[in-house]
Amino acid sequence: MFAALNPIALQLGGLEVHWYGIIIASGVLLAVYLAIREAQRRDVSEDHILNLVLWSLPFALIGARAYYVLFEWQYYSQHPAQIIAIWHGGIAIYGALIASALVFIIYCRAHDLSIWLVLDIAAPTVMIAQAIGRWGNFMNQEAFGGVTTKAFLTGLHIPNWIVQQMYIGGAYRQPTFLYESSWNVVGFIILMLIRHRHHLFKQGEVFLTYLMWYSFGRFFVEGMRTDSLYITANLRVSQLLSVILFVGALAVWVYRRYRSSAPWYLEGNLNAAINNKE
């Protein structure tokens, strides 16, 4: 029988370095690099990007954990010491995104930055970081879907090592990590194309497109997962939040496009105007 891939990348004495952490860190580093490149094009200081990263990362972790604990409160109310035991697992991406968004809003207000501008810079980078991060779930054999067959998985024309890693608990599972990762990669490409068709889009529309794209895909992927958080017996938290985010983002997109005087994507940006003429 095929042995699952080792989630531990290396050991340094008594310290174990997990692939999950390496993959997440790689996604963050790529996101920061891409954000700095776009910030330079948009006349935003690199220091602002780095400050936002340094502030948002710890709060994103806190938000991701708090979100999970909140919807598993029946357990954690009986085991309060486990609330901070994040090394045992239990974080949620939506909690991280909500916490990070609050940090962005507060920081931008404090430093007189356009929140829409900063969110447009961040959106594609967050999308690709999420796509990469799902491979950490793959290494840990988590965030998988319901039982399926090996024939179904091989029919997807995915590498055999992915098929074998999806053999979990005595059965083959739907690779929902792969579905979401692939969806996010396509979303990243779309957002980057929007940036290069900047004359067609207003500020904020890159970010709002990110919200709509991610929430739409997450709604369907979440329906296949077996580890969802629930509000009621049949209502999944992430699916409800996905609907709210999609509808809200679409409403704001339509309003800013047709009812507001929101500036176009590169309006008032000297460096970008010069670069586009060259």
Protein backbone atom coordinates (compact mmCIF):
# COMPACT_ATOMS: atom_id res chain seq x y z
CA MET A 1 0.00 0.00 0.00
CA PHE A 2 1.22 3.47 -0.87
CA ALA A 3 2.59 5.46 2.07
CA ALA A 4 1.36 9.03 2.42
CA LEU A 5 3.86 11.80 1.80
CA ASN A 6 5.67 12.85 4.95
CA PRO A 7 4.26 16.20 6.14
CA ILE A 8 7.57 16.92 7.90
CA ALA A 9 10.14 18.43 5.57
CA LEU A 10 13.11 18.23 7.93
CA GLN A 11 14.08 17.97 11.57
CA LEU A 12 16.55 20.29 13.27
CA GLY A 13 17.30 18.64 16.56
CA GLY A 14 13.95 18.46 18.31
CA LEU A 15 12.38 20.98 15.95
CA GLU A 16 10.18 19.70 13.15
CA VAL A 17 9.77 21.85 10.06
CA HIS A 18 6.52 20.98 8.29
CA TRP A 19 5.83 21.28 4.59
CA TYR A 20 2.66 23.16 5.49
CA GLY A 21 4.64 26.02 7.00
CA ILE A 22 7.14 26.07 4.13
CA ILE A 23 4.37 26.19 1.54
CA ILE A 24 2.43 28.92 3.35
CA ALA A 25 5.61 30.97 3.77
CA SER A 26 6.41 30.55 0.07
CA GLY A 27 2.97 31.84 -0.86
CA VAL A 28 3.34 34.84 1.42
CA LEU A 29 6.80 35.71 0.05
CA LEU A 30 5.57 35.54 -3.55
CA ALA A 31 2.57 37.69 -2.62
CA VAL A 32 4.79 40.31 -0.99
CA TYR A 33 7.10 40.41 -4.01
CA LEU A 34 4.21 40.88 -6.44
CA ALA A 35 2.56 43.48 -4.21
CA ILE A 36 5.74 45.54 -4.00
CA ARG A 37 6.11 45.48 -7.79
CA GLU A 38 2.58 46.74 -8.32
CA ALA A 39 2.91 49.28 -5.49
CA GLN A 40 5.89 50.85 -7.24
CA ARG A 41 3.77 51.20 -10.36
CA ARG A 42 1.00 52.83 -8.34
CA ASP A 43 3.22 55.32 -6.45
CA VAL A 44 2.77 53.51 -3.14
CA SER A 45 5.84 53.23 -0.93
CA GLU A 46 7.39 49.81 -0.45
CA ASP A 47 7.46 50.61 3.27
CA HIS A 48 3.67 50.75 3.32
CA ILE A 49 3.44 47.28 1.79
CA LEU A 50 5.93 45.80 4.23
CA ASN A 51 4.21 47.50 7.17
CA LEU A 52 0.86 46.11 6.06
CA VAL A 53 2.34 42.62 5.81
CA LEU A 54 3.94 42.84 9.26
CA TRP A 55 0.73 44.11 10.83
CA SER A 56 -1.71 41.89 8.97
CA LEU A 57 0.06 38.52 9.35
CA PRO A 58 -0.30 38.16 13.14
CA PHE A 59 -3.85 39.49 13.08
CA ALA A 60 -4.68 37.18 10.17
CA LEU A 61 -3.53 34.23 12.27
CA ILE A 62 -5.57 35.44 15.24
CA GLY A 63 -8.60 36.01 13.03
CA ALA A 64 -8.29 32.60 11.39
CA ARG A 65 -8.18 30.91 14.78
CA ALA A 66 -10.92 33.05 16.33
CA TYR A 67 -13.24 32.30 13.41
CA TYR A 68 -12.69 28.56 13.83
CA VAL A 69 -13.10 28.64 17.61
CA LEU A 70 -16.28 30.72 17.35
CA PHE A 71 -18.04 28.14 15.20
CA GLU A 72 -16.70 25.24 17.26
CA TRP A 73 -17.57 26.91 20.55
CA GLN A 74 -19.48 23.91 21.85
CA TYR A 75 -16.15 22.08 22.05
CA TYR A 76 -13.88 24.95 23.07
CA SER A 77 -16.22 26.16 25.81
CA GLN A 78 -15.55 22.83 27.49
CA HIS A 79 -11.82 22.86 26.66
CA PRO A 80 -10.71 26.52 26.98
CA ALA A 81 -7.04 25.59 27.24
CA GLN A 82 -7.24 24.31 23.66
CA ILE A 83 -8.26 27.70 22.26
CA ILE A 84 -4.66 28.80 21.83
CA ALA A 85 -3.42 25.36 20.74
CA ILE A 86 -3.24 26.36 17.11
CA TRP A 87 -0.50 23.78 16.51
CA HIS A 88 -3.22 21.13 16.80
CA GLY A 89 -4.95 22.59 13.75
CA GLY A 90 -8.11 24.60 13.35
CA ILE A 91 -7.81 27.81 11.33
CA ALA A 92 -10.13 29.28 8.70
CA ILE A 93 -9.13 31.39 5.70
CA TYR A 94 -12.23 33.57 5.89
CA GLY A 95 -11.28 34.60 9.43
CA ALA A 96 -7.81 35.54 8.20
CA LEU A 97 -9.24 37.59 5.32
CA ILE A 98 -11.68 39.46 7.57
CA ALA A 99 -8.97 40.30 10.11
CA SER A 100 -6.54 41.39 7.38
CA ALA A 101 -9.17 43.61 5.76
CA LEU A 102 -9.74 45.39 9.08
CA VAL A 103 -5.98 45.95 9.45
CA PHE A 104 -5.83 47.35 5.91
CA ILE A 105 -8.70 49.76 6.58
CA ILE A 106 -7.22 51.04 9.85
CA TYR A 107 -3.73 51.40 8.38
CA CYS A 108 -4.92 53.19 5.25
CA ARG A 109 -6.98 55.64 7.28
CA ALA A 110 -4.04 56.33 9.59
CA HIS A 111 -1.66 56.97 6.67
CA ASP A 112 -4.07 58.73 4.32
CA LEU A 113 -3.93 55.99 1.68
CA SER A 114 -6.77 55.05 -0.65
CA ILE A 115 -8.16 51.78 0.69
CA TRP A 116 -9.41 50.82 -2.78
CA LEU A 117 -5.96 51.40 -4.23
CA VAL A 118 -4.28 49.22 -1.60
CA LEU A 119 -6.89 46.47 -1.89
CA ASP A 120 -6.44 46.43 -5.67
CA ILE A 121 -2.72 45.97 -5.17
CA ALA A 122 -3.24 43.17 -2.67
CA ALA A 123 -6.06 41.19 -4.30
CA PRO A 124 -4.17 39.23 -7.01
CA THR A 125 -1.29 38.53 -4.64
CA VAL A 126 -3.64 37.14 -2.00
CA MET A 127 -5.31 34.98 -4.64
CA ILE A 128 -2.06 33.33 -5.73
CA ALA A 129 -0.97 32.91 -2.11
CA GLN A 130 -4.22 31.08 -1.41
CA ALA A 131 -3.67 28.87 -4.44
CA ILE A 132 -0.22 27.91 -3.17
CA GLY A 133 -1.36 27.53 0.42
CA ARG A 134 -3.87 24.81 -0.46
CA TRP A 135 -0.94 22.53 -1.24
CA GLY A 136 -0.09 22.70 2.44
CA ASN A 137 -3.48 21.07 3.05
CA PHE A 138 -2.50 18.45 0.48
CA MET A 139 0.67 17.57 2.38
CA ASN A 140 -1.28 17.31 5.64
CA GLN A 141 -4.06 15.25 4.00
CA GLU A 142 -6.72 17.71 5.15
CA ALA A 143 -9.46 19.88 3.63
CA PHE A 144 -10.47 16.94 1.44
CA GLY A 145 -13.86 15.97 0.08
CA GLY A 146 -16.12 12.95 0.24
CA VAL A 147 -15.35 9.37 -0.72
CA THR A 148 -14.71 8.70 -4.40
CA THR A 149 -12.97 6.03 -6.46
CA LYS A 150 -9.46 5.71 -7.77
CA ALA A 151 -10.90 5.44 -11.28
CA PHE A 152 -12.53 8.85 -10.88
CA LEU A 153 -9.27 10.43 -9.72
CA THR A 154 -7.20 8.92 -12.51
CA GLY A 155 -9.88 10.10 -14.92
CA LEU A 156 -9.01 13.65 -13.91
CA HIS A 157 -5.57 13.09 -15.52
CA ILE A 158 -3.74 14.24 -12.41
CA PRO A 159 -0.34 12.81 -11.38
CA ASN A 160 -0.39 9.48 -9.57
CA TRP A 161 1.31 10.93 -6.49
CA ILE A 162 -1.68 13.23 -6.02
CA VAL A 163 -4.08 10.32 -6.50
CA GLN A 164 -2.25 8.25 -3.90
CA GLN A 165 -2.08 11.10 -1.40
CA MET A 166 -5.88 11.28 -1.61
CA TYR A 167 -6.13 7.79 -0.09
CA ILE A 168 -7.20 8.85 3.39
CA GLY A 169 -8.83 6.81 6.13
CA GLY A 170 -9.13 3.70 4.00
CA ALA A 171 -10.77 5.39 1.01
CA TYR A 172 -9.98 7.70 -1.88
CA ARG A 173 -11.22 11.27 -1.38
CA GLN A 174 -12.20 14.18 -3.58
CA PRO A 175 -9.14 16.48 -3.96
CA THR A 176 -11.01 19.64 -3.01
CA PHE A 177 -7.70 21.32 -2.23
CA LEU A 178 -6.81 20.92 -5.92
CA TYR A 179 -10.16 22.21 -7.13
CA GLU A 180 -9.82 25.37 -5.06
CA SER A 181 -6.15 25.84 -5.88
CA SER A 182 -6.85 25.55 -9.61
CA TRP A 183 -9.80 27.93 -9.34
CA ASN A 184 -7.60 30.47 -7.58
CA VAL A 185 -4.85 30.20 -10.20
CA VAL A 186 -7.40 30.99 -12.92
CA GLY A 187 -8.67 33.87 -10.77
CA PHE A 188 -5.14 35.21 -10.39
CA ILE A 189 -4.68 35.21 -14.17
CA ILE A 190 -7.98 37.05 -14.64
CA LEU A 191 -7.06 39.70 -12.07
CA MET A 192 -3.68 40.25 -13.71
CA LEU A 193 -5.38 40.63 -17.10
CA ILE A 194 -7.70 43.23 -15.58
CA ARG A 195 -4.66 45.18 -14.40
CA HIS A 196 -3.31 45.25 -17.93
CA ARG A 197 -6.67 46.44 -19.27
CA HIS A 198 -6.69 49.22 -16.70
CA HIS A 199 -8.47 51.70 -18.96
CA LEU A 200 -11.61 49.55 -18.71
CA PHE A 201 -11.78 49.32 -14.92
CA LYS A 202 -12.21 51.63 -11.97
CA GLN A 203 -10.28 51.58 -8.72
CA GLY A 204 -11.62 48.90 -6.42
CA GLU A 205 -12.85 46.64 -9.20
CA VAL A 206 -9.81 44.36 -9.07
CA PHE A 207 -10.49 43.70 -5.40
CA LEU A 208 -14.24 43.33 -5.88
CA THR A 209 -13.63 40.88 -8.73
CA TYR A 210 -11.37 38.92 -6.39
CA LEU A 211 -14.15 38.72 -3.80
CA MET A 212 -16.72 37.58 -6.35
CA TRP A 213 -14.43 35.04 -7.98
CA TYR A 214 -13.16 33.50 -4.77
CA SER A 215 -16.52 33.38 -2.99
CA PHE A 216 -18.25 31.85 -6.04
CA GLY A 217 -15.70 29.04 -6.28
CA ARG A 218 -15.48 28.53 -2.53
CA PHE A 219 -19.26 28.05 -2.31
CA PHE A 220 -19.13 24.96 -4.53
CA VAL A 221 -15.86 23.56 -3.19
CA GLU A 222 -17.12 23.93 0.38
CA GLY A 223 -20.15 21.84 -0.50
CA MET A 224 -17.83 18.91 -1.25
CA ARG A 225 -15.67 19.14 1.87
CA THR A 226 -16.09 16.90 4.90
CA ASP A 227 -14.57 19.23 7.50
CA SER A 228 -16.89 22.22 7.17
CA LEU A 229 -17.95 24.44 10.05
CA TYR A 230 -21.73 24.56 10.45
CA ILE A 231 -24.19 27.13 11.76
CA THR A 232 -27.01 24.58 11.74
CA ALA A 233 -27.13 20.93 10.77
CA ASN A 234 -27.45 21.79 7.08
CA LEU A 235 -26.01 25.30 6.81
CA ARG A 236 -22.27 25.61 6.28
CA VAL A 237 -20.65 28.79 7.55
CA SER A 238 -18.36 29.29 4.56
CA GLN A 239 -21.16 28.79 2.05
CA LEU A 240 -23.34 31.39 3.76
CA LEU A 241 -20.43 33.84 3.95
CA SER A 242 -19.59 33.16 0.31
CA VAL A 243 -23.11 34.14 -0.75
CA ILE A 244 -22.98 37.31 1.37
CA LEU A 245 -19.58 38.31 -0.03
CA PHE A 246 -20.53 37.61 -3.63
CA VAL A 247 -23.78 39.57 -3.48
CA GLY A 248 -22.18 42.40 -1.50
CA ALA A 249 -19.18 42.69 -3.83
CA LEU A 250 -21.42 42.63 -6.91
CA ALA A 251 -23.65 45.36 -5.48
CA VAL A 252 -20.67 47.58 -4.66
CA TRP A 253 -19.13 46.90 -8.09
CA VAL A 254 -22.31 47.99 -9.86
CA TYR A 255 -22.71 51.06 -7.65
CA ARG A 256 -19.11 52.23 -8.10
CA ARG A 257 -19.26 51.60 -11.84
CA TYR A 258 -22.55 53.36 -12.61
CA ARG A 259 -23.52 55.50 -9.63
CA SER A 260 -20.33 56.91 -8.17
CA SER A 261 -17.47 59.10 -9.38
CA ALA A 262 -14.85 56.48 -8.51
CA PRO A 263 -11.59 57.11 -10.40
CA TRP A 264 -10.35 54.82 -13.14
CA TYR A 265 -7.69 52.31 -12.20
CA LEU A 266 -4.61 54.43 -13.01
CA GLU A 267 -6.19 57.85 -12.68
CA GLY A 268 -3.87 60.36 -11.03
CA ASN A 269 -0.92 57.96 -11.17
CA LEU A 270 2.10 59.64 -12.75
CA ASN A 271 4.49 56.67 -12.79
CA ALA A 272 1.93 54.35 -14.36
CA ALA A 273 1.05 56.91 -17.02
CA ILE A 274 4.71 57.31 -17.96
CA ASN A 275 5.30 53.53 -18.03
CA ASN A 276 2.31 52.94 -20.26
CA LYS A 277 3.57 55.46 -22.82
CA GLU A 278 6.97 53.84 -23.07
